[in-house]
């Protein structure tokens, strides 16, 4: 099955995995998904991400039986792209969440983009 928007598919799989209280989720592999999952893992929103020839396996984290990710929202969509300069990037929920951006310097969080003074396409927000 071919997925038209791999990032929306990633967001949906994470949401559905948490709603079903799954420990791990699997998905097809792509460089963009790996980069986003690497950020989510480094920010402690998901656990270990393993990659093999079958695809990606992501460990979902829970804190006292409730999901670590309260909400994950796709901001920029294929029909409606959202771009922001580094001056326009604001904290998500007063610093309780993160934005993930696709910039000319790679996939990074909103705080990293502000430090590097680079803007880009806002992929999603996580809190």
N, C-alpha and C. Protein backbone atom coordinates (compact mmCIF):
# COMPACT_ATOMS: atom_id res chain seq x y z
N UNK A 1 0.85 -1.18 0.00
CA UNK A 1 0.00 0.00 0.00
C UNK A 1 0.89 1.24 0.00
N UNK A 2 0.60 2.16 -0.89
CA UNK A 2 1.39 3.39 -0.97
C UNK A 2 0.70 4.48 -0.15
N UNK A 3 1.49 5.14 0.66
CA UNK A 3 0.98 6.22 1.50
C UNK A 3 1.31 7.54 0.82
N UNK A 4 0.32 8.39 0.67
CA UNK A 4 0.55 9.67 0.00
C UNK A 4 1.25 10.68 0.89
N UNK A 5 0.96 10.66 2.17
CA UNK A 5 1.58 11.60 3.11
C UNK A 5 2.16 10.81 4.29
N UNK A 6 3.45 10.47 4.24
CA UNK A 6 4.03 9.63 5.29
C UNK A 6 4.01 10.26 6.68
N UNK A 7 4.06 11.58 6.77
CA UNK A 7 4.05 12.23 8.09
C UNK A 7 2.67 12.17 8.74
N UNK A 8 1.62 12.34 7.95
CA UNK A 8 0.27 12.20 8.51
C UNK A 8 0.04 10.75 8.93
N UNK A 9 0.58 9.82 8.16
CA UNK A 9 0.48 8.41 8.52
C UNK A 9 1.22 8.14 9.83
N UNK A 10 2.38 8.74 10.01
CA UNK A 10 3.15 8.60 11.26
C UNK A 10 2.35 9.12 12.45
N UNK A 11 1.78 10.31 12.31
CA UNK A 11 0.99 10.92 13.38
C UNK A 11 -0.22 10.03 13.71
N UNK A 12 -0.89 9.53 12.69
CA UNK A 12 -2.06 8.66 12.92
C UNK A 12 -1.67 7.36 13.61
N UNK A 13 -0.56 6.77 13.21
CA UNK A 13 -0.12 5.52 13.84
C UNK A 13 0.23 5.73 15.31
N UNK A 14 0.87 6.85 15.62
CA UNK A 14 1.21 7.14 17.02
C UNK A 14 -0.07 7.34 17.84
N UNK A 15 -1.01 8.14 17.33
CA UNK A 15 -2.27 8.37 18.04
C UNK A 15 -3.04 7.06 18.25
N UNK A 16 -3.15 6.27 17.18
CA UNK A 16 -3.90 5.01 17.27
C UNK A 16 -3.21 4.02 18.21
N UNK A 17 -1.88 4.01 18.21
CA UNK A 17 -1.15 3.13 19.11
C UNK A 17 -1.40 3.47 20.57
N UNK A 18 -1.43 4.76 20.88
CA UNK A 18 -1.71 5.18 22.25
C UNK A 18 -3.17 4.89 22.63
N UNK A 19 -4.10 5.12 21.70
CA UNK A 19 -5.52 4.86 22.01
C UNK A 19 -5.76 3.37 22.26
N UNK A 20 -4.99 2.51 21.60
CA UNK A 20 -5.13 1.06 21.79
C UNK A 20 -4.22 0.54 22.89
N UNK A 21 -3.48 1.43 23.55
CA UNK A 21 -2.55 1.08 24.63
C UNK A 21 -1.52 0.04 24.20
N UNK A 22 -0.99 0.22 22.99
CA UNK A 22 0.03 -0.69 22.47
C UNK A 22 1.40 -0.35 23.04
N UNK A 23 2.26 -1.34 23.12
CA UNK A 23 3.62 -1.11 23.58
C UNK A 23 4.53 -0.66 22.46
N UNK A 24 4.32 -1.23 21.27
CA UNK A 24 5.12 -0.90 20.09
C UNK A 24 4.22 -0.73 18.89
N UNK A 25 4.68 0.10 17.94
CA UNK A 25 3.99 0.23 16.66
C UNK A 25 5.02 0.03 15.56
N UNK A 26 4.57 -0.43 14.41
CA UNK A 26 5.46 -0.60 13.27
C UNK A 26 4.93 0.20 12.10
N UNK A 27 5.84 0.57 11.21
CA UNK A 27 5.47 1.35 10.04
C UNK A 27 6.54 1.20 8.97
N UNK A 28 6.21 1.50 7.73
CA UNK A 28 7.22 1.48 6.67
C UNK A 28 8.31 2.51 6.94
N UNK A 29 9.50 2.23 6.44
CA UNK A 29 10.65 3.09 6.70
C UNK A 29 10.76 4.20 5.65
N UNK A 30 11.09 5.41 6.10
CA UNK A 30 11.47 6.51 5.22
C UNK A 30 12.43 7.41 6.00
N UNK A 31 13.25 8.14 5.28
CA UNK A 31 14.23 9.02 5.94
C UNK A 31 13.55 10.11 6.75
N UNK A 32 12.45 10.63 6.24
CA UNK A 32 11.72 11.69 6.93
C UNK A 32 11.11 11.17 8.23
N UNK A 33 10.50 10.00 8.18
CA UNK A 33 9.93 9.41 9.40
C UNK A 33 11.03 9.14 10.43
N UNK A 34 12.16 8.61 9.97
CA UNK A 34 13.27 8.33 10.89
C UNK A 34 13.76 9.60 11.57
N UNK A 35 13.86 10.69 10.81
CA UNK A 35 14.34 11.96 11.38
C UNK A 35 13.36 12.49 12.43
N UNK A 36 12.06 12.43 12.14
CA UNK A 36 11.06 12.91 13.10
C UNK A 36 11.06 12.02 14.34
N UNK A 37 11.14 10.72 14.16
CA UNK A 37 11.15 9.80 15.30
C UNK A 37 12.42 9.95 16.14
N UNK A 38 13.52 10.29 15.49
CA UNK A 38 14.77 10.53 16.23
C UNK A 38 14.60 11.72 17.17
N UNK A 39 13.93 12.77 16.70
CA UNK A 39 13.67 13.94 17.55
C UNK A 39 12.72 13.57 18.68
N UNK A 40 11.64 12.86 18.37
CA UNK A 40 10.68 12.45 19.41
C UNK A 40 11.36 11.57 20.45
N UNK A 41 12.28 10.73 20.03
CA UNK A 41 13.01 9.87 20.96
C UNK A 41 13.97 10.68 21.83
N UNK A 42 14.67 11.63 21.22
CA UNK A 42 15.62 12.45 22.00
C UNK A 42 14.91 13.36 22.98
N UNK A 43 13.67 13.75 22.67
CA UNK A 43 12.89 14.60 23.57
C UNK A 43 12.06 13.77 24.55
N UNK A 44 12.24 12.44 24.53
CA UNK A 44 11.59 11.50 25.46
C UNK A 44 10.07 11.41 25.27
N UNK A 45 9.59 11.60 24.04
CA UNK A 45 8.18 11.41 23.75
C UNK A 45 7.88 9.98 23.31
N UNK A 46 8.88 9.32 22.71
CA UNK A 46 8.77 7.90 22.39
C UNK A 46 10.04 7.23 22.88
N UNK A 47 9.98 5.92 23.00
CA UNK A 47 11.14 5.17 23.47
C UNK A 47 12.09 4.84 22.33
N UNK A 48 12.62 3.65 22.37
CA UNK A 48 13.61 3.22 21.39
C UNK A 48 12.97 3.05 20.01
N UNK A 49 13.67 3.53 18.99
CA UNK A 49 13.25 3.38 17.61
C UNK A 49 14.23 2.44 16.93
N UNK A 50 13.73 1.31 16.43
CA UNK A 50 14.60 0.36 15.75
C UNK A 50 14.23 0.29 14.28
N UNK A 51 15.25 0.13 13.45
CA UNK A 51 15.07 0.10 12.01
C UNK A 51 15.64 -1.21 11.47
N UNK A 52 14.87 -1.87 10.62
CA UNK A 52 15.37 -3.05 9.94
C UNK A 52 14.82 -3.05 8.52
N UNK A 53 15.06 -4.13 7.78
CA UNK A 53 14.59 -4.16 6.39
C UNK A 53 13.06 -4.25 6.29
N UNK A 54 12.39 -4.62 7.36
CA UNK A 54 10.92 -4.68 7.37
C UNK A 54 10.29 -3.30 7.56
N UNK A 55 10.97 -2.40 8.25
CA UNK A 55 10.44 -1.07 8.52
C UNK A 55 10.94 -0.53 9.84
N UNK A 56 10.16 0.35 10.45
CA UNK A 56 10.51 0.97 11.72
C UNK A 56 9.62 0.42 12.83
N UNK A 57 10.21 0.19 13.99
CA UNK A 57 9.46 -0.20 15.17
C UNK A 57 9.70 0.85 16.24
N UNK A 58 8.61 1.38 16.79
CA UNK A 58 8.69 2.47 17.76
C UNK A 58 8.09 2.00 19.08
N UNK A 59 8.83 2.21 20.16
CA UNK A 59 8.33 1.89 21.50
C UNK A 59 7.56 3.10 22.02
N UNK A 60 6.30 2.90 22.38
CA UNK A 60 5.48 3.98 22.94
C UNK A 60 5.68 4.03 24.45
N UNK A 61 5.87 5.22 24.98
CA UNK A 61 6.12 5.39 26.41
C UNK A 61 4.85 5.79 27.15
N UNK A 62 4.75 5.30 28.38
CA UNK A 62 3.62 5.61 29.25
C UNK A 62 4.15 6.06 30.60
N UNK A 63 3.45 6.99 31.23
CA UNK A 63 3.82 7.45 32.56
C UNK A 63 2.63 7.16 33.47
N UNK A 64 2.79 6.24 34.39
CA UNK A 64 1.71 5.75 35.26
C UNK A 64 0.45 5.42 34.45
N UNK A 65 0.64 4.59 33.44
CA UNK A 65 -0.41 4.04 32.57
C UNK A 65 -1.11 5.07 31.68
N UNK A 66 -0.63 6.30 31.64
CA UNK A 66 -1.20 7.27 30.70
C UNK A 66 -0.13 7.63 29.67
N UNK A 67 -0.52 7.89 28.42
CA UNK A 67 0.46 8.17 27.37
C UNK A 67 1.31 9.40 27.68
N UNK A 68 2.58 9.33 27.30
CA UNK A 68 3.48 10.47 27.46
C UNK A 68 3.05 11.59 26.52
N UNK A 69 2.62 11.24 25.32
CA UNK A 69 2.14 12.23 24.35
C UNK A 69 0.65 12.46 24.59
N UNK A 70 0.31 13.67 25.04
CA UNK A 70 -1.09 14.03 25.23
C UNK A 70 -1.75 14.27 23.88
N UNK A 71 -1.05 14.98 23.01
CA UNK A 71 -1.57 15.29 21.68
C UNK A 71 -0.42 15.47 20.71
N UNK A 72 -0.61 15.01 19.49
CA UNK A 72 0.32 15.26 18.40
C UNK A 72 -0.51 15.73 17.23
N UNK A 73 -0.18 16.90 16.69
CA UNK A 73 -1.00 17.55 15.67
C UNK A 73 -0.15 17.83 14.44
N UNK A 74 -0.62 17.42 13.29
CA UNK A 74 0.04 17.73 12.02
C UNK A 74 -0.34 19.15 11.65
N UNK A 75 0.64 20.03 11.48
CA UNK A 75 0.37 21.44 11.20
C UNK A 75 0.38 21.68 9.69
N UNK A 76 1.49 21.43 9.04
CA UNK A 76 1.62 21.64 7.61
C UNK A 76 1.16 20.39 6.88
N UNK A 77 0.20 20.56 5.99
CA UNK A 77 -0.38 19.43 5.27
C UNK A 77 -0.08 19.59 3.78
N UNK A 78 -0.22 18.53 2.99
CA UNK A 78 0.10 18.64 1.56
C UNK A 78 -0.69 19.73 0.84
N UNK A 79 -1.93 19.96 1.21
CA UNK A 79 -2.73 20.99 0.55
C UNK A 79 -2.61 22.36 1.17
N UNK A 80 -1.98 22.45 2.33
CA UNK A 80 -1.88 23.72 3.05
C UNK A 80 -0.57 23.75 3.84
N UNK A 81 0.48 24.17 3.19
CA UNK A 81 1.80 24.21 3.83
C UNK A 81 1.88 25.42 4.76
N UNK A 82 2.57 25.23 5.89
CA UNK A 82 2.74 26.30 6.88
C UNK A 82 4.23 26.51 7.10
N UNK A 83 4.70 27.71 6.80
CA UNK A 83 6.10 28.06 6.97
C UNK A 83 6.22 29.17 8.01
N UNK A 84 7.29 29.15 8.79
CA UNK A 84 7.53 30.20 9.79
C UNK A 84 9.00 30.58 9.80
N UNK A 85 9.23 31.87 9.96
CA UNK A 85 10.58 32.34 10.19
C UNK A 85 10.95 32.10 11.65
N UNK A 86 12.23 32.17 11.97
CA UNK A 86 12.63 31.85 13.35
C UNK A 86 12.08 32.85 14.35
N UNK A 87 11.81 34.07 13.94
CA UNK A 87 11.24 35.07 14.86
C UNK A 87 9.78 34.76 15.19
N UNK A 88 9.09 34.05 14.32
CA UNK A 88 7.68 33.72 14.53
C UNK A 88 7.48 32.46 15.37
N UNK A 89 8.54 31.70 15.59
CA UNK A 89 8.42 30.44 16.35
C UNK A 89 8.20 30.74 17.82
N UNK A 90 7.12 30.22 18.36
CA UNK A 90 6.77 30.43 19.77
C UNK A 90 6.80 29.10 20.50
N UNK A 91 6.81 29.17 21.82
CA UNK A 91 6.77 27.96 22.64
C UNK A 91 5.40 27.30 22.53
N UNK A 92 5.38 25.99 22.56
CA UNK A 92 4.14 25.23 22.54
C UNK A 92 3.72 24.99 23.98
N UNK A 93 2.53 25.44 24.35
CA UNK A 93 1.99 25.32 25.71
C UNK A 93 2.98 25.84 26.76
N UNK A 94 3.55 26.99 26.50
CA UNK A 94 4.46 27.61 27.46
C UNK A 94 5.71 26.79 27.72
N UNK A 95 6.16 26.03 26.73
CA UNK A 95 7.37 25.24 26.88
C UNK A 95 7.11 23.79 27.25
N UNK A 96 5.85 23.40 27.40
CA UNK A 96 5.52 22.02 27.76
C UNK A 96 5.52 21.09 26.55
N UNK A 97 5.57 21.65 25.35
CA UNK A 97 5.57 20.84 24.13
C UNK A 97 6.64 21.30 23.17
N UNK A 98 6.69 20.67 22.00
CA UNK A 98 7.68 21.04 20.99
C UNK A 98 7.02 21.17 19.63
N UNK A 99 7.70 21.91 18.75
CA UNK A 99 7.35 21.96 17.34
C UNK A 99 8.46 21.24 16.61
N UNK A 100 8.12 20.53 15.55
CA UNK A 100 9.13 19.89 14.72
C UNK A 100 9.07 20.56 13.36
N UNK A 101 10.24 21.04 12.90
CA UNK A 101 10.33 21.78 11.66
C UNK A 101 11.24 21.09 10.66
N UNK A 102 10.93 21.30 9.38
CA UNK A 102 11.82 20.90 8.30
C UNK A 102 12.48 22.18 7.80
N UNK A 103 13.78 22.30 8.03
CA UNK A 103 14.52 23.51 7.67
C UNK A 103 15.58 23.17 6.62
N UNK A 104 16.21 24.18 6.04
CA UNK A 104 17.32 23.90 5.12
C UNK A 104 18.48 23.18 5.79
N UNK A 105 18.55 23.24 7.11
CA UNK A 105 19.62 22.57 7.86
C UNK A 105 19.17 21.22 8.40
N UNK A 106 18.00 20.74 8.00
CA UNK A 106 17.51 19.43 8.41
C UNK A 106 16.29 19.52 9.30
N UNK A 107 15.83 18.37 9.76
CA UNK A 107 14.67 18.29 10.65
C UNK A 107 15.13 18.62 12.06
N UNK A 108 14.43 19.54 12.74
CA UNK A 108 14.82 19.95 14.09
C UNK A 108 13.63 20.48 14.86
N UNK A 109 13.83 20.69 16.16
CA UNK A 109 12.78 21.26 17.00
C UNK A 109 12.73 22.78 16.81
N UNK A 110 11.65 23.38 17.28
CA UNK A 110 11.51 24.83 17.19
C UNK A 110 12.57 25.56 17.98
N UNK A 111 12.95 25.04 19.15
CA UNK A 111 13.97 25.71 19.96
C UNK A 111 15.34 25.64 19.28
N UNK A 112 15.66 24.53 18.64
CA UNK A 112 16.92 24.42 17.90
C UNK A 112 16.93 25.40 16.73
N UNK A 113 15.79 25.53 16.04
CA UNK A 113 15.70 26.45 14.91
C UNK A 113 15.87 27.90 15.36
N UNK A 114 15.31 28.25 16.53
CA UNK A 114 15.49 29.61 17.05
C UNK A 114 16.95 29.88 17.36
N UNK A 115 17.64 28.91 17.96
CA UNK A 115 19.06 29.09 18.29
C UNK A 115 19.91 29.26 17.04
N UNK A 116 19.58 28.50 15.98
CA UNK A 116 20.33 28.58 14.73
C UNK A 116 19.84 29.72 13.83
N UNK A 117 18.77 30.39 14.28
CA UNK A 117 18.16 31.49 13.52
C UNK A 117 17.79 31.06 12.10
N UNK A 118 17.04 29.96 12.04
CA UNK A 118 16.59 29.44 10.76
C UNK A 118 15.11 29.07 10.87
N UNK A 119 14.35 29.38 9.84
CA UNK A 119 12.94 29.03 9.81
C UNK A 119 12.71 27.85 8.90
N UNK A 120 11.45 27.48 8.73
CA UNK A 120 11.14 26.37 7.85
C UNK A 120 9.68 25.97 7.93
N UNK A 121 9.40 24.79 7.41
CA UNK A 121 8.04 24.26 7.39
C UNK A 121 7.74 23.59 8.72
N UNK A 122 6.64 23.98 9.36
CA UNK A 122 6.24 23.39 10.64
C UNK A 122 5.54 22.07 10.35
N UNK A 123 6.20 20.97 10.70
CA UNK A 123 5.65 19.64 10.42
C UNK A 123 4.55 19.30 11.41
N UNK A 124 4.85 19.38 12.71
CA UNK A 124 3.86 19.02 13.71
C UNK A 124 4.18 19.65 15.05
N UNK A 125 3.20 19.60 15.94
CA UNK A 125 3.36 20.04 17.33
C UNK A 125 3.05 18.85 18.23
N UNK A 126 3.83 18.71 19.29
CA UNK A 126 3.67 17.59 20.22
C UNK A 126 3.64 18.13 21.63
N UNK A 127 2.70 17.64 22.43
CA UNK A 127 2.68 17.97 23.86
C UNK A 127 2.06 16.84 24.63
